[in-house]
Amino acid sequence: MNIKEMTRQECVALLKTQRIGRLACVRDQKPYVVPVHFAFGENSIFSFSLPGRKVDWMRANPHVCLQVDDVGGVDGWRSVVVEGLFEELSKAPDPDGCMTGVERMIAPVDSDRRLAWSLLAKHGNWWEPGALKPGDTLALSGSHLFYRIRIEAMSGRQASW
């Protein structure tokens, strides 16, 4: 097996083709890792979530890490690790109170949120993992949020035979 470092261009190519990664955050010196659906664009990772442990921890400590891999064949594997800063994107205003729960949840507001929406919406059912909790149906509470991870560092390795 031959293992080599990936170039930045190779890392970006992997991030553009994958949809699920493992997000790591830390609070009170305790790590927490959770799978997330994501989209890559403009040197950032974009995702969508309900409030909960992951969001609470990222709000308390915005330094996060995302690991993404492709291990789907006997020819080898590729893995990218992204280090960055969590940033919550603004929510949709509803001054007249006439938006439905889904509209309020996903309506783009500013250019960053529109970008997140457009990148994530390229793939079917992108919102389901972020809008569901175990045993629940779609939650329409309006508490959903889009967020970005501004990439500060990125590295990758790949193995081949």
N, C-alpha and C. Protein backbone atom coordinates (compact mmCIF):
# COMPACT_ATOMS: atom_id res chain seq x y z
N MET A 1 0.85 -1.18 0.00
CA MET A 1 0.00 0.00 0.00
C MET A 1 0.89 1.23 0.00
N ASN A 2 0.49 2.21 -0.79
CA ASN A 2 1.21 3.47 -0.90
C ASN A 2 0.32 4.57 -0.31
N ILE A 3 0.82 5.28 0.70
CA ILE A 3 0.08 6.38 1.32
C ILE A 3 0.79 7.68 1.00
N LYS A 4 0.01 8.67 0.54
CA LYS A 4 0.61 9.96 0.20
C LYS A 4 -0.28 11.11 0.67
N GLU A 5 0.33 12.27 0.86
CA GLU A 5 -0.40 13.48 1.20
C GLU A 5 -1.18 13.94 -0.03
N MET A 6 -2.36 14.46 0.21
CA MET A 6 -3.17 15.01 -0.87
C MET A 6 -2.89 16.50 -1.01
N THR A 7 -2.94 17.00 -2.23
CA THR A 7 -2.81 18.44 -2.45
C THR A 7 -4.11 19.13 -2.03
N ARG A 8 -4.06 20.43 -1.90
CA ARG A 8 -5.27 21.19 -1.56
C ARG A 8 -6.33 20.96 -2.63
N GLN A 9 -5.94 20.94 -3.87
CA GLN A 9 -6.88 20.71 -4.98
C GLN A 9 -7.54 19.34 -4.85
N GLU A 10 -6.80 18.32 -4.49
CA GLU A 10 -7.36 16.98 -4.29
C GLU A 10 -8.31 16.95 -3.09
N CYS A 11 -7.95 17.67 -2.03
CA CYS A 11 -8.83 17.76 -0.85
C CYS A 11 -10.15 18.41 -1.22
N VAL A 12 -10.09 19.52 -1.93
CA VAL A 12 -11.30 20.24 -2.35
C VAL A 12 -12.15 19.35 -3.24
N ALA A 13 -11.53 18.61 -4.15
CA ALA A 13 -12.28 17.71 -5.04
C ALA A 13 -13.05 16.67 -4.23
N LEU A 14 -12.44 16.13 -3.18
CA LEU A 14 -13.14 15.16 -2.34
C LEU A 14 -14.30 15.82 -1.60
N LEU A 15 -14.08 17.01 -1.04
CA LEU A 15 -15.15 17.72 -0.33
C LEU A 15 -16.32 18.04 -1.25
N LYS A 16 -16.06 18.28 -2.51
CA LYS A 16 -17.14 18.59 -3.46
C LYS A 16 -17.96 17.37 -3.82
N THR A 17 -17.39 16.17 -3.69
CA THR A 17 -18.11 14.97 -4.09
C THR A 17 -18.78 14.23 -2.94
N GLN A 18 -18.41 14.52 -1.72
CA GLN A 18 -18.97 13.80 -0.58
C GLN A 18 -20.08 14.62 0.08
N ARG A 19 -20.99 13.96 0.78
CA ARG A 19 -22.12 14.61 1.44
C ARG A 19 -22.15 14.40 2.94
N ILE A 20 -21.47 13.38 3.44
CA ILE A 20 -21.51 13.09 4.88
C ILE A 20 -20.09 13.13 5.44
N GLY A 21 -19.96 13.80 6.56
CA GLY A 21 -18.69 13.86 7.26
C GLY A 21 -18.93 13.70 8.75
N ARG A 22 -17.87 13.63 9.51
CA ARG A 22 -17.96 13.53 10.96
C ARG A 22 -17.44 14.84 11.55
N LEU A 23 -18.35 15.53 12.25
CA LEU A 23 -18.04 16.82 12.84
C LEU A 23 -17.63 16.63 14.29
N ALA A 24 -16.49 17.20 14.65
CA ALA A 24 -15.99 17.12 16.02
C ALA A 24 -16.00 18.50 16.65
N CYS A 25 -16.49 18.56 17.89
CA CYS A 25 -16.46 19.79 18.66
C CYS A 25 -16.06 19.42 20.09
N VAL A 26 -15.64 20.45 20.85
CA VAL A 26 -15.15 20.22 22.21
C VAL A 26 -15.77 21.25 23.14
N ARG A 27 -16.16 20.77 24.32
CA ARG A 27 -16.66 21.66 25.37
C ARG A 27 -16.20 21.10 26.70
N ASP A 28 -15.69 21.97 27.56
CA ASP A 28 -15.20 21.56 28.88
C ASP A 28 -14.23 20.39 28.77
N GLN A 29 -13.37 20.46 27.78
CA GLN A 29 -12.32 19.46 27.53
C GLN A 29 -12.87 18.07 27.22
N LYS A 30 -14.12 18.01 26.76
CA LYS A 30 -14.74 16.74 26.35
C LYS A 30 -15.04 16.81 24.86
N PRO A 31 -14.64 15.79 24.09
CA PRO A 31 -14.95 15.79 22.66
C PRO A 31 -16.33 15.22 22.37
N TYR A 32 -16.88 15.63 21.24
CA TYR A 32 -18.16 15.12 20.76
C TYR A 32 -18.06 15.04 19.24
N VAL A 33 -18.37 13.87 18.68
CA VAL A 33 -18.30 13.66 17.23
C VAL A 33 -19.65 13.16 16.76
N VAL A 34 -20.14 13.75 15.65
CA VAL A 34 -21.45 13.39 15.12
C VAL A 34 -21.41 13.46 13.59
N PRO A 35 -22.10 12.53 12.91
CA PRO A 35 -22.17 12.63 11.45
C PRO A 35 -23.08 13.78 11.03
N VAL A 36 -22.69 14.47 9.97
CA VAL A 36 -23.49 15.58 9.44
C VAL A 36 -23.51 15.52 7.91
N HIS A 37 -24.62 15.96 7.33
CA HIS A 37 -24.67 16.21 5.89
C HIS A 37 -24.10 17.60 5.68
N PHE A 38 -23.36 17.78 4.59
CA PHE A 38 -22.74 19.07 4.35
C PHE A 38 -22.63 19.33 2.86
N ALA A 39 -22.29 20.56 2.52
CA ALA A 39 -21.94 20.96 1.17
C ALA A 39 -20.74 21.88 1.26
N PHE A 40 -19.86 21.81 0.28
CA PHE A 40 -18.66 22.64 0.24
C PHE A 40 -18.85 23.76 -0.77
N GLY A 41 -18.39 24.97 -0.42
CA GLY A 41 -18.40 26.09 -1.34
C GLY A 41 -17.71 27.30 -0.74
N GLU A 42 -17.03 28.06 -1.58
CA GLU A 42 -16.38 29.30 -1.15
C GLU A 42 -15.52 29.13 0.10
N ASN A 43 -14.69 28.10 0.10
CA ASN A 43 -13.77 27.81 1.20
C ASN A 43 -14.48 27.65 2.54
N SER A 44 -15.70 27.12 2.48
CA SER A 44 -16.48 26.87 3.69
C SER A 44 -17.26 25.57 3.55
N ILE A 45 -17.61 25.01 4.70
CA ILE A 45 -18.51 23.88 4.79
C ILE A 45 -19.85 24.43 5.26
N PHE A 46 -20.94 24.05 4.58
CA PHE A 46 -22.27 24.51 4.97
C PHE A 46 -23.11 23.32 5.42
N SER A 47 -23.93 23.53 6.47
CA SER A 47 -24.79 22.47 6.96
C SER A 47 -26.03 23.07 7.60
N PHE A 48 -26.88 22.19 8.11
CA PHE A 48 -28.22 22.54 8.59
C PHE A 48 -28.51 21.66 9.79
N SER A 49 -29.13 22.21 10.83
CA SER A 49 -29.34 21.42 12.04
C SER A 49 -30.50 21.96 12.88
N LEU A 50 -31.01 21.09 13.74
CA LEU A 50 -31.86 21.52 14.85
C LEU A 50 -30.94 21.91 16.00
N PRO A 51 -31.41 22.74 16.93
CA PRO A 51 -30.61 22.99 18.13
C PRO A 51 -30.42 21.70 18.91
N GLY A 52 -29.37 21.64 19.66
CA GLY A 52 -29.09 20.46 20.47
C GLY A 52 -27.64 20.51 20.94
N ARG A 53 -27.15 19.39 21.36
CA ARG A 53 -25.81 19.30 21.93
C ARG A 53 -24.74 19.84 20.98
N LYS A 54 -24.78 19.41 19.72
CA LYS A 54 -23.78 19.83 18.74
C LYS A 54 -23.77 21.36 18.62
N VAL A 55 -24.95 21.95 18.43
CA VAL A 55 -25.04 23.40 18.25
C VAL A 55 -24.63 24.12 19.53
N ASP A 56 -25.10 23.66 20.67
CA ASP A 56 -24.70 24.27 21.94
C ASP A 56 -23.20 24.28 22.11
N TRP A 57 -22.57 23.15 21.80
CA TRP A 57 -21.12 23.06 21.97
C TRP A 57 -20.38 23.95 20.98
N MET A 58 -20.87 24.03 19.73
CA MET A 58 -20.20 24.89 18.75
C MET A 58 -20.38 26.36 19.10
N ARG A 59 -21.52 26.72 19.67
CA ARG A 59 -21.72 28.10 20.11
C ARG A 59 -20.76 28.44 21.25
N ALA A 60 -20.52 27.48 22.14
CA ALA A 60 -19.63 27.70 23.29
C ALA A 60 -18.15 27.72 22.86
N ASN A 61 -17.81 26.91 21.88
CA ASN A 61 -16.43 26.83 21.38
C ASN A 61 -16.50 26.65 19.88
N PRO A 62 -16.32 27.72 19.10
CA PRO A 62 -16.52 27.65 17.66
C PRO A 62 -15.43 26.91 16.89
N HIS A 63 -14.36 26.50 17.55
CA HIS A 63 -13.30 25.75 16.87
C HIS A 63 -13.75 24.31 16.68
N VAL A 64 -13.90 23.90 15.42
CA VAL A 64 -14.41 22.57 15.10
C VAL A 64 -13.53 21.90 14.06
N CYS A 65 -13.81 20.63 13.85
CA CYS A 65 -13.06 19.83 12.89
C CYS A 65 -14.06 18.93 12.16
N LEU A 66 -13.86 18.77 10.85
CA LEU A 66 -14.70 17.88 10.05
C LEU A 66 -13.80 16.89 9.34
N GLN A 67 -14.14 15.60 9.44
CA GLN A 67 -13.41 14.55 8.75
C GLN A 67 -14.33 13.95 7.69
N VAL A 68 -13.83 13.85 6.47
CA VAL A 68 -14.58 13.33 5.34
C VAL A 68 -13.73 12.28 4.65
N ASP A 69 -14.35 11.16 4.26
CA ASP A 69 -13.55 10.14 3.58
C ASP A 69 -14.31 9.46 2.47
N ASP A 70 -13.56 8.74 1.67
CA ASP A 70 -14.10 7.91 0.60
C ASP A 70 -13.36 6.59 0.70
N VAL A 71 -14.03 5.57 1.20
CA VAL A 71 -13.40 4.26 1.39
C VAL A 71 -14.16 3.18 0.62
N GLY A 72 -14.78 3.59 -0.47
CA GLY A 72 -15.70 2.71 -1.17
C GLY A 72 -15.13 1.65 -2.08
N GLY A 73 -13.83 1.44 -2.12
CA GLY A 73 -13.34 0.44 -3.06
C GLY A 73 -12.10 -0.27 -2.57
N VAL A 74 -11.73 -1.28 -3.33
CA VAL A 74 -10.53 -2.06 -2.99
C VAL A 74 -9.27 -1.36 -3.49
N ASP A 75 -9.43 -0.29 -4.25
CA ASP A 75 -8.28 0.43 -4.80
C ASP A 75 -7.60 1.34 -3.78
N GLY A 76 -8.21 1.54 -2.63
CA GLY A 76 -7.62 2.41 -1.62
C GLY A 76 -8.67 3.29 -0.97
N TRP A 77 -8.21 4.35 -0.34
CA TRP A 77 -9.09 5.27 0.36
C TRP A 77 -8.53 6.68 0.30
N ARG A 78 -9.39 7.66 0.59
CA ARG A 78 -8.99 9.07 0.69
C ARG A 78 -9.66 9.65 1.93
N SER A 79 -8.97 10.52 2.63
CA SER A 79 -9.51 11.13 3.83
C SER A 79 -9.03 12.58 3.94
N VAL A 80 -9.96 13.48 4.25
CA VAL A 80 -9.64 14.90 4.41
C VAL A 80 -10.09 15.35 5.79
N VAL A 81 -9.26 16.14 6.45
CA VAL A 81 -9.59 16.74 7.74
C VAL A 81 -9.58 18.25 7.56
N VAL A 82 -10.69 18.88 7.95
CA VAL A 82 -10.85 20.32 7.86
C VAL A 82 -10.91 20.88 9.28
N GLU A 83 -10.12 21.91 9.55
CA GLU A 83 -10.20 22.64 10.81
C GLU A 83 -10.79 24.01 10.50
N GLY A 84 -11.73 24.45 11.34
CA GLY A 84 -12.33 25.74 11.05
C GLY A 84 -13.15 26.29 12.19
N LEU A 85 -13.85 27.38 11.88
CA LEU A 85 -14.66 28.09 12.87
C LEU A 85 -16.14 28.02 12.51
N PHE A 86 -16.95 27.61 13.48
CA PHE A 86 -18.40 27.57 13.35
C PHE A 86 -18.95 28.98 13.29
N GLU A 87 -19.91 29.20 12.38
CA GLU A 87 -20.59 30.49 12.29
C GLU A 87 -22.06 30.21 11.95
N GLU A 88 -22.95 30.64 12.82
CA GLU A 88 -24.38 30.47 12.59
C GLU A 88 -24.84 31.51 11.57
N LEU A 89 -25.64 31.08 10.60
CA LEU A 89 -26.14 32.00 9.58
C LEU A 89 -27.49 32.54 10.00
N SER A 90 -27.81 33.76 9.60
CA SER A 90 -29.01 34.45 10.07
C SER A 90 -30.28 33.71 9.68
N LYS A 91 -31.29 33.87 10.50
CA LYS A 91 -32.60 33.22 10.28
C LYS A 91 -33.50 34.11 9.44
N ALA A 92 -34.50 33.48 8.85
CA ALA A 92 -35.45 34.19 8.00
C ALA A 92 -36.40 35.03 8.86
N PRO A 93 -36.52 36.33 8.56
CA PRO A 93 -37.51 37.13 9.27
C PRO A 93 -38.91 36.83 8.74
N ASP A 94 -39.91 36.98 9.58
CA ASP A 94 -41.30 36.76 9.18
C ASP A 94 -42.14 37.84 9.86
N PRO A 95 -42.00 39.10 9.41
CA PRO A 95 -42.67 40.20 10.12
C PRO A 95 -44.19 40.09 10.12
N ASP A 96 -44.78 39.47 9.11
CA ASP A 96 -46.23 39.36 9.04
C ASP A 96 -46.75 38.08 9.68
N GLY A 97 -45.85 37.17 10.04
CA GLY A 97 -46.25 35.91 10.63
C GLY A 97 -47.00 35.00 9.67
N CYS A 98 -46.75 35.15 8.37
CA CYS A 98 -47.52 34.38 7.39
C CYS A 98 -46.74 33.23 6.77
N MET A 99 -45.49 33.05 7.15
CA MET A 99 -44.73 31.94 6.58
C MET A 99 -45.13 30.64 7.28
N THR A 100 -45.16 29.55 6.51
CA THR A 100 -45.40 28.25 7.11
C THR A 100 -44.14 27.83 7.86
N GLY A 101 -44.25 26.79 8.65
CA GLY A 101 -43.09 26.30 9.39
C GLY A 101 -41.93 25.95 8.48
N VAL A 102 -42.21 25.25 7.37
CA VAL A 102 -41.15 24.86 6.45
C VAL A 102 -40.54 26.10 5.79
N GLU A 103 -41.38 27.06 5.37
CA GLU A 103 -40.86 28.28 4.75
C GLU A 103 -39.96 29.03 5.73
N ARG A 104 -40.41 29.17 6.96
CA ARG A 104 -39.63 29.88 7.96
C ARG A 104 -38.31 29.17 8.22
N MET A 105 -38.37 27.83 8.20
CA MET A 105 -37.21 27.02 8.49
C MET A 105 -36.14 27.18 7.42
N ILE A 106 -36.54 27.22 6.16
CA ILE A 106 -35.55 27.11 5.10
C ILE A 106 -35.42 28.33 4.21
N ALA A 107 -36.23 29.35 4.41
CA ALA A 107 -36.19 30.50 3.51
C ALA A 107 -34.85 31.21 3.56
N PRO A 108 -34.22 31.40 2.40
CA PRO A 108 -32.96 32.14 2.37
C PRO A 108 -33.19 33.61 2.74
N VAL A 109 -32.24 34.20 3.44
CA VAL A 109 -32.38 35.58 3.87
C VAL A 109 -31.26 36.43 3.28
N ASP A 110 -30.06 36.16 3.65
CA ASP A 110 -28.94 36.94 3.14
C ASP A 110 -28.14 36.08 2.17
N SER A 111 -27.09 36.65 1.60
CA SER A 111 -26.33 35.94 0.57
C SER A 111 -25.67 34.68 1.12
N ASP A 112 -25.22 34.69 2.36
CA ASP A 112 -24.59 33.50 2.94
C ASP A 112 -25.60 32.37 3.09
N ARG A 113 -26.78 32.71 3.59
CA ARG A 113 -27.82 31.69 3.74
C ARG A 113 -28.31 31.18 2.39
N ARG A 114 -28.43 32.09 1.41
CA ARG A 114 -28.80 31.68 0.05
C ARG A 114 -27.76 30.74 -0.54
N LEU A 115 -26.49 31.04 -0.30
CA LEU A 115 -25.42 30.17 -0.79
C LEU A 115 -25.52 28.80 -0.14
N ALA A 116 -25.70 28.76 1.17
CA ALA A 116 -25.85 27.47 1.87
C ALA A 116 -27.03 26.70 1.29
N TRP A 117 -28.15 27.38 1.13
CA TRP A 117 -29.36 26.76 0.58
C TRP A 117 -29.06 26.18 -0.80
N SER A 118 -28.45 26.98 -1.68
CA SER A 118 -28.23 26.53 -3.06
C SER A 118 -27.28 25.34 -3.13
N LEU A 119 -26.26 25.32 -2.30
CA LEU A 119 -25.31 24.20 -2.31
C LEU A 119 -25.94 22.94 -1.74
N LEU A 120 -26.64 23.07 -0.62
CA LEU A 120 -27.27 21.90 0.00
C LEU A 120 -28.42 21.36 -0.84
N ALA A 121 -29.18 22.25 -1.47
CA ALA A 121 -30.37 21.84 -2.22
C ALA A 121 -30.06 21.09 -3.51
N LYS A 122 -28.80 21.02 -3.89
CA LYS A 122 -28.42 20.26 -5.09
C LYS A 122 -28.60 18.76 -4.89
N HIS A 123 -28.82 18.34 -3.66
CA HIS A 123 -28.92 16.93 -3.33
C HIS A 123 -30.24 16.66 -2.62
N GLY A 124 -30.94 15.63 -3.04
CA GLY A 124 -32.25 15.31 -2.49
C GLY A 124 -32.23 15.03 -1.00
N ASN A 125 -33.27 15.47 -0.33
CA ASN A 125 -33.48 15.22 1.10
C ASN A 125 -32.33 15.71 1.99
N TRP A 126 -31.65 16.76 1.56
CA TRP A 126 -30.52 17.29 2.31
C TRP A 126 -30.92 17.76 3.70
N TRP A 127 -32.15 18.16 3.88
CA TRP A 127 -32.61 18.74 5.14
C TRP A 127 -33.02 17.68 6.16
N GLU A 128 -33.29 16.44 5.73
CA GLU A 128 -33.84 15.45 6.65
C GLU A 128 -32.96 15.17 7.88
N PRO A 129 -31.68 14.92 7.71
CA PRO A 129 -30.91 14.62 8.94
C PRO A 129 -30.92 15.78 9.93
N GLY A 130 -30.91 17.02 9.44
CA GLY A 130 -30.89 18.16 10.34
C GLY A 130 -32.24 18.52 10.90
N ALA A 131 -33.32 17.97 10.33
CA ALA A 131 -34.67 18.35 10.76
C ALA A 131 -35.36 17.25 11.55
N LEU A 132 -34.66 16.16 11.81
CA LEU A 132 -35.26 15.03 12.51
C LEU A 132 -34.44 14.64 13.72
N LYS A 133 -35.12 14.23 14.74
CA LYS A 133 -34.47 13.63 15.91
C LYS A 133 -34.98 12.21 16.00
N PRO A 134 -34.27 11.31 16.65
CA PRO A 134 -34.71 9.91 16.72
C PRO A 134 -36.16 9.79 17.20
N GLY A 135 -36.96 9.04 16.45
CA GLY A 135 -38.35 8.81 16.82
C GLY A 135 -39.31 9.92 16.46
N ASP A 136 -38.80 11.04 15.92
CA ASP A 136 -39.66 12.17 15.59
C ASP A 136 -39.94 12.23 14.10
N THR A 137 -40.97 12.98 13.75
CA THR A 137 -41.19 13.36 12.37
C THR A 137 -40.60 14.75 12.20
N LEU A 138 -40.75 15.34 11.04
CA LEU A 138 -40.21 16.66 10.76
C LEU A 138 -40.68 17.66 11.81
N ALA A 139 -39.72 18.34 12.41
CA ALA A 139 -40.04 19.36 13.42
C ALA A 139 -40.15 20.71 12.74
N LEU A 140 -41.29 21.37 12.88
CA LEU A 140 -41.52 22.65 12.22
C LEU A 140 -41.54 23.79 13.22
N SER A 141 -40.65 23.75 14.15
CA SER A 141 -40.66 24.74 15.22
C SER A 141 -40.04 26.06 14.82
N GLY A 142 -39.38 26.12 13.66
CA GLY A 142 -38.69 27.34 13.28
C GLY A 142 -37.36 27.50 13.97
N SER A 143 -36.94 26.50 14.73
CA SER A 143 -35.68 26.60 15.45
C SER A 143 -34.50 26.06 14.65
N HIS A 144 -34.74 25.59 13.45
CA HIS A 144 -33.68 25.06 12.61
C HIS A 144 -32.69 26.16 12.25
N LEU A 145 -31.48 25.76 11.98
CA LEU A 145 -30.49 26.76 11.62
C LEU A 145 -29.53 26.24 10.56
N PHE A 146 -29.07 27.17 9.76
CA PHE A 146 -27.99 26.90 8.83
C PHE A 146 -26.71 27.38 9.50
N TYR A 147 -25.63 26.69 9.22
CA TYR A 147 -24.34 27.16 9.73
C TYR A 147 -23.24 26.89 8.72
N ARG A 148 -22.15 27.60 8.95
CA ARG A 148 -20.98 27.46 8.09
C ARG A 148 -19.79 27.13 8.99
N ILE A 149 -18.86 26.41 8.42
CA ILE A 149 -17.55 26.23 9.04
C ILE A 149 -16.56 26.91 8.10
N ARG A 150 -16.01 28.02 8.56
CA ARG A 150 -15.00 28.73 7.77
C ARG A 150 -13.69 27.95 7.88
N ILE A 151 -13.22 27.48 6.77
CA ILE A 151 -12.03 26.61 6.76
C ILE A 151 -10.78 27.44 7.06
N GLU A 152 -10.04 27.00 8.08
CA GLU A 152 -8.77 27.62 8.44
C GLU A 152 -7.59 26.76 7.98
N ALA A 153 -7.78 25.44 8.01
CA ALA A 153 -6.71 24.52 7.59
C ALA A 153 -7.37 23.26 7.03
N MET A 154 -6.66 22.62 6.11
CA MET A 154 -7.19 21.41 5.49
C MET A 154 -6.00 20.52 5.12
N SER A 155 -6.15 19.23 5.38
CA SER A 155 -5.12 18.28 4.98
C SER A 155 -5.80 16.97 4.58
N GLY A 156 -5.09 16.18 3.81
CA GLY A 156 -5.66 14.93 3.37
C GLY A 156 -4.60 13.90 3.06
N ARG A 157 -4.99 12.66 3.11
CA ARG A 157 -4.12 11.53 2.75
C ARG A 157 -4.92 10.56 1.90
N GLN A 158 -4.20 9.84 1.07
CA GLN A 158 -4.84 8.82 0.28
C GLN A 158 -3.94 7.61 0.19
N ALA A 159 -4.56 6.47 0.07
CA ALA A 159 -3.82 5.21 -0.04
C ALA A 159 -4.23 4.50 -1.31
N SER A 160 -3.27 3.87 -1.93
CA SER A 160 -3.56 3.10 -3.14
C SER A 160 -2.65 1.87 -3.14
N TRP A 161 -3.05 0.89 -3.91
CA TRP A 161 -2.25 -0.34 -4.02
C TRP A 161 -1.31 -0.25 -5.18
